[in-house]
């Protein structure tokens, strides 16, 4: 897996090239395509920090779907400034490759949102450095997977993801891996909370859009 370099005193959030907090969302709830794809692509590096090559297929799948959307953006840039505009234009052309890619990206990002939100609630008041949290990362991942991705995965794919859940690091180690040397793990936990809070409304907007009658196919 790729080595993610996190400077001393910094966190994974400090080395991301784009944050979801910086993704423009219009008053009409339209999500900017370029910044969303940059933030999602940057997010995939988290899989390099989880400590097992079994997470590589997850990263590759997200990057594949980022590229599906980006290719459509390049093909029709004048109508692809927002994800909603991109998908609507693609569907008028009787195509749905980018729409499918975006659908899977939203599902994958929702998996992260639900898992990390659950850490904030199930482990509320538990320090990031605590060796014995109420729930470990593997537990959070398994519960989130059942809600977000499992319903759409085939019987062939599910075992791969379930194996990844087993390989998830312990919660304390997870926060250590998101941190540079000497970084206060509570700063990392706060960073994860802010990152999740910025991503959650974007996921909700795109879920509603993808489920709307306007683009049913």
C-alpha atoms as a PDB file:
ATOM      1  CA  UNK A   1       0.000   0.000   0.000  1.00  0.00           C
ATOM      2  CA  UNK A   2       1.099   3.599  -0.602  1.00  0.00           C
ATOM      3  CA  UNK A   3       2.917   5.266   2.261  1.00  0.00           C
ATOM      4  CA  UNK A   4       1.098   8.391   3.416  1.00  0.00           C
ATOM      5  CA  UNK A   5       3.527  10.912   4.869  1.00  0.00           C
ATOM      6  CA  UNK A   6       2.069  12.836   7.811  1.00  0.00           C
ATOM      7  CA  UNK A   7       4.450  15.425   9.308  1.00  0.00           C
ATOM      8  CA  UNK A   8       5.115  15.485  13.039  1.00  0.00           C
ATOM      9  CA  UNK A   9       2.412  17.326  14.940  1.00  0.00           C
ATOM     10  CA  UNK A  10       0.012  17.111  11.985  1.00  0.00           C
ATOM     11  CA  UNK A  11      -2.870  14.812  11.032  1.00  0.00           C
ATOM     12  CA  UNK A  12      -4.116  13.092   7.905  1.00  0.00           C
ATOM     13  CA  UNK A  13      -6.566  15.950   7.478  1.00  0.00           C
ATOM     14  CA  UNK A  14      -3.671  18.404   7.166  1.00  0.00           C
ATOM     15  CA  UNK A  15      -2.172  16.576   4.180  1.00  0.00           C
ATOM     16  CA  UNK A  16      -5.360  16.131   2.151  1.00  0.00           C
ATOM     17  CA  UNK A  17      -5.326  18.098  -1.104  1.00  0.00           C
ATOM     18  CA  UNK A  18      -9.016  18.996  -0.824  1.00  0.00           C
ATOM     19  CA  UNK A  19     -11.504  18.906   2.054  1.00  0.00           C
ATOM     20  CA  UNK A  20     -15.248  18.338   1.774  1.00  0.00           C
ATOM     21  CA  UNK A  21     -15.652  21.540   3.786  1.00  0.00           C
ATOM     22  CA  UNK A  22     -14.208  23.325   0.730  1.00  0.00           C
ATOM     23  CA  UNK A  23     -16.595  21.746  -1.793  1.00  0.00           C
ATOM     24  CA  UNK A  24     -18.958  24.493  -3.038  1.00  0.00           C
ATOM     25  CA  UNK A  25     -22.669  23.778  -2.686  1.00  0.00           C
ATOM     26  CA  UNK A  26     -25.039  26.294  -4.264  1.00  0.00           C
ATOM     27  CA  UNK A  27     -28.211  27.705  -2.756  1.00  0.00           C
ATOM     28  CA  UNK A  28     -30.049  25.239  -5.023  1.00  0.00           C
ATOM     29  CA  UNK A  29     -28.089  22.383  -3.380  1.00  0.00           C
ATOM     30  CA  UNK A  30     -25.955  21.726  -6.452  1.00  0.00           C
ATOM     31  CA  UNK A  31     -22.555  20.202  -5.649  1.00  0.00           C
ATOM     32  CA  UNK A  32     -19.470  21.382  -7.530  1.00  0.00           C
ATOM     33  CA  UNK A  33     -18.033  18.525  -9.587  1.00  0.00           C
ATOM     34  CA  UNK A  34     -14.316  19.299  -9.659  1.00  0.00           C
ATOM     35  CA  UNK A  35     -13.934  19.955  -5.940  1.00  0.00           C
ATOM     36  CA  UNK A  36     -16.079  16.960  -4.976  1.00  0.00           C
ATOM     37  CA  UNK A  37     -13.947  14.633  -7.089  1.00  0.00           C
ATOM     38  CA  UNK A  38     -10.732  16.114  -5.683  1.00  0.00           C
ATOM     39  CA  UNK A  39     -11.954  15.664  -2.107  1.00  0.00           C
ATOM     40  CA  UNK A  40     -13.122  12.109  -2.782  1.00  0.00           C
ATOM     41  CA  UNK A  41      -9.849  11.194  -4.481  1.00  0.00           C
ATOM     42  CA  UNK A  42      -7.921  12.617  -1.532  1.00  0.00           C
ATOM     43  CA  UNK A  43     -10.124  10.629   0.853  1.00  0.00           C
ATOM     44  CA  UNK A  44      -9.053   7.313  -0.686  1.00  0.00           C
ATOM     45  CA  UNK A  45      -5.637   7.663   0.955  1.00  0.00           C
ATOM     46  CA  UNK A  46      -7.261   6.725   4.266  1.00  0.00           C
ATOM     47  CA  UNK A  47      -7.292   3.123   3.049  1.00  0.00           C
ATOM     48  CA  UNK A  48      -3.476   3.257   2.888  1.00  0.00           C
ATOM     49  CA  UNK A  49      -3.436   3.951   6.625  1.00  0.00           C
ATOM     50  CA  UNK A  50      -5.573   1.027   7.716  1.00  0.00           C
ATOM     51  CA  UNK A  51      -2.647  -1.371   7.795  1.00  0.00           C
ATOM     52  CA  UNK A  52      -3.738  -4.169   5.476  1.00  0.00           C
ATOM     53  CA  UNK A  53      -3.556  -4.724   1.730  1.00  0.00           C
ATOM     54  CA  UNK A  54      -7.078  -6.123   1.926  1.00  0.00           C
ATOM     55  CA  UNK A  55      -8.325  -2.514   1.891  1.00  0.00           C
ATOM     56  CA  UNK A  56      -6.685  -1.898  -1.509  1.00  0.00           C
ATOM     57  CA  UNK A  57      -9.742  -3.081  -3.521  1.00  0.00           C
ATOM     58  CA  UNK A  58     -11.868  -0.502  -1.679  1.00  0.00           C
ATOM     59  CA  UNK A  59      -9.476   2.270  -2.664  1.00  0.00           C
ATOM     60  CA  UNK A  60      -9.249   1.068  -6.251  1.00  0.00           C
ATOM     61  CA  UNK A  61     -13.028   0.860  -6.528  1.00  0.00           C
ATOM     62  CA  UNK A  62     -13.460   4.453  -5.366  1.00  0.00           C
ATOM     63  CA  UNK A  63     -10.761   5.711  -7.721  1.00  0.00           C
ATOM     64  CA  UNK A  64     -12.368   3.798 -10.590  1.00  0.00           C
ATOM     65  CA  UNK A  65     -15.671   5.534  -9.911  1.00  0.00           C
ATOM     66  CA  UNK A  66     -14.009   8.938  -9.536  1.00  0.00           C
ATOM     67  CA  UNK A  67     -12.577   8.412 -13.014  1.00  0.00           C
ATOM     68  CA  UNK A  68     -15.982   7.421 -14.416  1.00  0.00           C
ATOM     69  CA  UNK A  69     -17.419  10.741 -13.312  1.00  0.00           C
ATOM     70  CA  UNK A  70     -14.326  12.700 -14.337  1.00  0.00           C
ATOM     71  CA  UNK A  71     -14.376  11.261 -17.860  1.00  0.00           C
ATOM     72  CA  UNK A  72     -17.923  12.532 -18.320  1.00  0.00           C
ATOM     73  CA  UNK A  73     -16.857  15.905 -16.951  1.00  0.00           C
ATOM     74  CA  UNK A  74     -14.123  16.093 -19.594  1.00  0.00           C
ATOM     75  CA  UNK A  75     -16.526  15.022 -22.327  1.00  0.00           C
ATOM     76  CA  UNK A  76     -19.104  17.721 -21.567  1.00  0.00           C
ATOM     77  CA  UNK A  77     -17.403  20.379 -19.387  1.00  0.00           C
ATOM     78  CA  UNK A  78     -19.892  23.115 -20.257  1.00  0.00           C
ATOM     79  CA  UNK A  79     -22.743  21.308 -18.454  1.00  0.00           C
ATOM     80  CA  UNK A  80     -20.694  19.463 -15.832  1.00  0.00           C
ATOM     81  CA  UNK A  81     -19.764  22.190 -13.369  1.00  0.00           C
ATOM     82  CA  UNK A  82     -22.085  20.505 -10.861  1.00  0.00           C
ATOM     83  CA  UNK A  83     -22.675  16.805 -10.300  1.00  0.00           C
ATOM     84  CA  UNK A  84     -26.404  17.259 -10.815  1.00  0.00           C
ATOM     85  CA  UNK A  85     -25.865  18.945 -14.176  1.00  0.00           C
ATOM     86  CA  UNK A  86     -23.389  16.284 -15.246  1.00  0.00           C
ATOM     87  CA  UNK A  87     -25.743  13.412 -14.460  1.00  0.00           C
ATOM     88  CA  UNK A  88     -28.784  15.055 -16.047  1.00  0.00           C
ATOM     89  CA  UNK A  89     -26.867  15.738 -19.257  1.00  0.00           C
ATOM     90  CA  UNK A  90     -25.513  12.198 -19.389  1.00  0.00           C
ATOM     91  CA  UNK A  91     -28.984  10.730 -18.996  1.00  0.00           C
ATOM     92  CA  UNK A  92     -30.305  12.836 -21.905  1.00  0.00           C
ATOM     93  CA  UNK A  93     -27.668  11.057 -23.994  1.00  0.00           C
ATOM     94  CA  UNK A  94     -29.115   7.701 -22.880  1.00  0.00           C
ATOM     95  CA  UNK A  95     -25.947   6.905 -20.933  1.00  0.00           C
ATOM     96  CA  UNK A  96     -25.405   6.274 -17.241  1.00  0.00           C
ATOM     97  CA  UNK A  97     -21.762   5.368 -16.680  1.00  0.00           C
ATOM     98  CA  UNK A  98     -21.000   8.505 -14.651  1.00  0.00           C
ATOM     99  CA  UNK A  99     -24.346   8.302 -12.835  1.00  0.00           C
ATOM    100  CA  UNK A 100     -23.513   4.749 -11.774  1.00  0.00           C
ATOM    101  CA  UNK A 101     -20.039   5.861 -10.719  1.00  0.00           C
ATOM    102  CA  UNK A 102     -21.446   8.684  -8.618  1.00  0.00           C
ATOM    103  CA  UNK A 103     -23.974   6.326  -7.049  1.00  0.00           C
ATOM    104  CA  UNK A 104     -21.208   4.028  -5.849  1.00  0.00           C
ATOM    105  CA  UNK A 105     -19.094   6.934  -4.637  1.00  0.00           C
ATOM    106  CA  UNK A 106     -21.982   8.219  -2.538  1.00  0.00           C
ATOM    107  CA  UNK A 107     -22.538   4.749  -1.081  1.00  0.00           C
ATOM    108  CA  UNK A 108     -18.854   4.436  -0.204  1.00  0.00           C
ATOM    109  CA  UNK A 109     -18.716   7.872   1.366  1.00  0.00           C
ATOM    110  CA  UNK A 110     -21.892   7.148   3.308  1.00  0.00           C
ATOM    111  CA  UNK A 111     -20.193   4.020   4.655  1.00  0.00           C
ATOM    112  CA  UNK A 112     -17.463   6.259   6.089  1.00  0.00           C
ATOM    113  CA  UNK A 113     -19.911   8.835   7.425  1.00  0.00           C
ATOM    114  CA  UNK A 114     -21.989   6.258   9.273  1.00  0.00           C
ATOM    115  CA  UNK A 115     -18.950   4.477  10.733  1.00  0.00           C
ATOM    116  CA  UNK A 116     -17.246   7.631  11.963  1.00  0.00           C
ATOM    117  CA  UNK A 117     -20.478   9.181  13.266  1.00  0.00           C
ATOM    118  CA  UNK A 118     -21.008   6.001  15.258  1.00  0.00           C
ATOM    119  CA  UNK A 119     -17.567   6.421  16.804  1.00  0.00           C
ATOM    120  CA  UNK A 120     -18.569   9.883  17.994  1.00  0.00           C
ATOM    121  CA  UNK A 121     -21.751   8.509  19.603  1.00  0.00           C
ATOM    122  CA  UNK A 122     -20.880   4.966  20.735  1.00  0.00           C
ATOM    123  CA  UNK A 123     -17.493   6.105  22.038  1.00  0.00           C
ATOM    124  CA  UNK A 124     -18.607   9.499  23.301  1.00  0.00           C
ATOM    125  CA  UNK A 125     -16.393  10.542  26.174  1.00  0.00           C
ATOM    126  CA  UNK A 126     -13.836   7.828  25.372  1.00  0.00           C
ATOM    127  CA  UNK A 127     -10.392   9.292  24.656  1.00  0.00           C
ATOM    128  CA  UNK A 128      -8.838   8.497  21.285  1.00  0.00           C
ATOM    129  CA  UNK A 129      -5.877   7.025  23.139  1.00  0.00           C
ATOM    130  CA  UNK A 130      -8.039   4.710  25.253  1.00  0.00           C
ATOM    131  CA  UNK A 131      -7.099   1.058  24.784  1.00  0.00           C
ATOM    132  CA  UNK A 132     -10.571  -0.185  25.652  1.00  0.00           C
ATOM    133  CA  UNK A 133     -13.277   1.785  23.807  1.00  0.00           C
ATOM    134  CA  UNK A 134     -16.907   0.782  23.928  1.00  0.00           C
ATOM    135  CA  UNK A 135     -16.704  -0.140  20.239  1.00  0.00           C
ATOM    136  CA  UNK A 136     -13.691  -0.894  18.088  1.00  0.00           C
ATOM    137  CA  UNK A 137     -13.272   0.351  14.506  1.00  0.00           C
ATOM    138  CA  UNK A 138     -14.000  -3.113  13.130  1.00  0.00           C
ATOM    139  CA  UNK A 139     -17.351  -3.120  14.923  1.00  0.00           C
ATOM    140  CA  UNK A 140     -18.195   0.338  13.571  1.00  0.00           C
ATOM    141  CA  UNK A 141     -17.222  -0.699  10.050  1.00  0.00           C
ATOM    142  CA  UNK A 142     -19.290  -3.887  10.186  1.00  0.00           C
ATOM    143  CA  UNK A 143     -22.399  -2.079  11.394  1.00  0.00           C
ATOM    144  CA  UNK A 144     -22.005   0.660   8.782  1.00  0.00           C
ATOM    145  CA  UNK A 145     -21.363  -1.862   6.011  1.00  0.00           C
ATOM    146  CA  UNK A 146     -24.648  -3.639   6.733  1.00  0.00           C
ATOM    147  CA  UNK A 147     -26.520  -0.345   6.372  1.00  0.00           C
ATOM    148  CA  UNK A 148     -24.754   1.254   3.419  1.00  0.00           C
ATOM    149  CA  UNK A 149     -23.006  -1.166   1.067  1.00  0.00           C
ATOM    150  CA  UNK A 150     -24.037  -4.744   1.827  1.00  0.00           C
ATOM    151  CA  UNK A 151     -27.553  -4.367   0.331  1.00  0.00           C
ATOM    152  CA  UNK A 152     -25.965  -3.556  -3.053  1.00  0.00           C
ATOM    153  CA  UNK A 153     -23.121  -6.078  -3.053  1.00  0.00           C
ATOM    154  CA  UNK A 154     -23.261  -9.525  -4.584  1.00  0.00           C
ATOM    155  CA  UNK A 155     -22.510 -12.721  -2.683  1.00  0.00           C
ATOM    156  CA  UNK A 156     -19.081 -12.661  -4.355  1.00  0.00           C
ATOM    157  CA  UNK A 157     -18.154  -9.163  -3.148  1.00  0.00           C
ATOM    158  CA  UNK A 158     -19.523  -9.325   0.402  1.00  0.00           C
ATOM    159  CA  UNK A 159     -16.866 -11.747   1.738  1.00  0.00           C
ATOM    160  CA  UNK A 160     -14.089  -9.426   0.521  1.00  0.00           C
ATOM    161  CA  UNK A 161     -15.534  -6.510   2.449  1.00  0.00           C
ATOM    162  CA  UNK A 162     -16.280  -8.611   5.507  1.00  0.00           C
ATOM    163  CA  UNK A 163     -12.651  -9.731   5.554  1.00  0.00           C
ATOM    164  CA  UNK A 164     -11.611  -6.077   5.460  1.00  0.00           C
ATOM    165  CA  UNK A 165     -13.763  -5.362   8.504  1.00  0.00           C
ATOM    166  CA  UNK A 166     -11.903  -8.068  10.413  1.00  0.00           C
ATOM    167  CA  UNK A 167      -8.572  -6.524   9.347  1.00  0.00           C
ATOM    168  CA  UNK A 168      -9.506  -3.051  10.617  1.00  0.00           C
ATOM    169  CA  UNK A 169      -7.085  -1.672  13.218  1.00  0.00           C
ATOM    170  CA  UNK A 170      -8.011  -1.140  16.835  1.00  0.00           C
ATOM    171  CA  UNK A 171      -9.494   2.299  17.519  1.00  0.00           C
ATOM    172  CA  UNK A 172      -6.408   3.654  19.291  1.00  0.00           C
ATOM    173  CA  UNK A 173      -4.155   2.429  16.463  1.00  0.00           C
ATOM    174  CA  UNK A 174      -6.516   3.937  13.888  1.00  0.00           C
ATOM    175  CA  UNK A 175      -6.109   7.375  15.425  1.00  0.00           C
ATOM    176  CA  UNK A 176      -2.348   6.889  15.672  1.00  0.00           C
ATOM    177  CA  UNK A 177      -2.208   6.071  11.954  1.00  0.00           C
ATOM    178  CA  UNK A 178      -4.112   9.261  11.155  1.00  0.00           C
ATOM    179  CA  UNK A 179      -1.527  11.240  13.135  1.00  0.00           C
ATOM    180  CA  UNK A 180       2.042  12.362  12.679  1.00  0.00           C
ATOM    181  CA  UNK A 181       4.673  11.753  15.319  1.00  0.00           C
ATOM    182  CA  UNK A 182       3.880  13.545  18.556  1.00  0.00           C
ATOM    183  CA  UNK A 183       0.395  14.634  17.483  1.00  0.00           C
ATOM    184  CA  UNK A 184      -2.223  14.826  20.229  1.00  0.00           C
ATOM    185  CA  UNK A 185      -4.720  12.104  19.304  1.00  0.00           C
ATOM    186  CA  UNK A 186      -7.574  14.268  20.521  1.00  0.00           C
ATOM    187  CA  UNK A 187      -6.740  16.766  17.767  1.00  0.00           C
ATOM    188  CA  UNK A 188      -7.018  13.902  15.299  1.00  0.00           C
ATOM    189  CA  UNK A 189     -10.353  12.832  16.717  1.00  0.00           C
ATOM    190  CA  UNK A 190     -11.621  16.409  16.462  1.00  0.00           C
ATOM    191  CA  UNK A 191     -10.381  16.516  12.872  1.00  0.00           C
ATOM    192  CA  UNK A 192     -12.313  13.361  12.047  1.00  0.00           C
ATOM    193  CA  UNK A 193     -15.445  14.793  13.634  1.00  0.00           C
ATOM    194  CA  UNK A 194     -15.187  17.988  11.552  1.00  0.00           C
ATOM    195  CA  UNK A 195     -14.434  16.008   8.383  1.00  0.00           C
ATOM    196  CA  UNK A 196     -17.474  13.793   8.932  1.00  0.00           C
ATOM    197  CA  UNK A 197     -19.709  16.784   9.681  1.00  0.00           C
ATOM    198  CA  UNK A 198     -18.654  18.431   6.409  1.00  0.00           C
ATOM    199  CA  UNK A 199     -19.197  15.290   4.338  1.00  0.00           C
ATOM    200  CA  UNK A 200     -22.538  14.192   5.775  1.00  0.00           C
ATOM    201  CA  UNK A 201     -24.727  16.954   4.246  1.00  0.00           C
ATOM    202  CA  UNK A 202     -23.092  16.491   0.836  1.00  0.00           C
ATOM    203  CA  UNK A 203     -23.869  12.778   0.946  1.00  0.00           C
ATOM    204  CA  UNK A 204     -27.471  13.551   1.946  1.00  0.00           C
ATOM    205  CA  UNK A 205     -27.902  16.017  -0.937  1.00  0.00           C
ATOM    206  CA  UNK A 206     -26.559  13.545  -3.482  1.00  0.00           C
ATOM    207  CA  UNK A 207     -28.569  10.638  -2.078  1.00  0.00           C
ATOM    208  CA  UNK A 208     -31.761  12.659  -2.463  1.00  0.00           C
ATOM    209  CA  UNK A 209     -30.811  13.667  -5.990  1.00  0.00           C
ATOM    210  CA  UNK A 210     -29.933  10.133  -7.102  1.00  0.00           C
ATOM    211  CA  UNK A 211     -33.204   8.819  -5.653  1.00  0.00           C
ATOM    212  CA  UNK A 212     -35.340  11.534  -7.258  1.00  0.00           C
ATOM    213  CA  UNK A 213     -37.910  10.848  -9.957  1.00  0.00           C
ATOM    214  CA  UNK A 214     -36.097  13.409 -12.087  1.00  0.00           C
ATOM    215  CA  UNK A 215     -33.297  11.007 -12.894  1.00  0.00           C
ATOM    216  CA  UNK A 216     -34.968   7.607 -12.475  1.00  0.00           C
ATOM    217  CA  UNK A 217     -33.868   5.319 -15.269  1.00  0.00           C
END
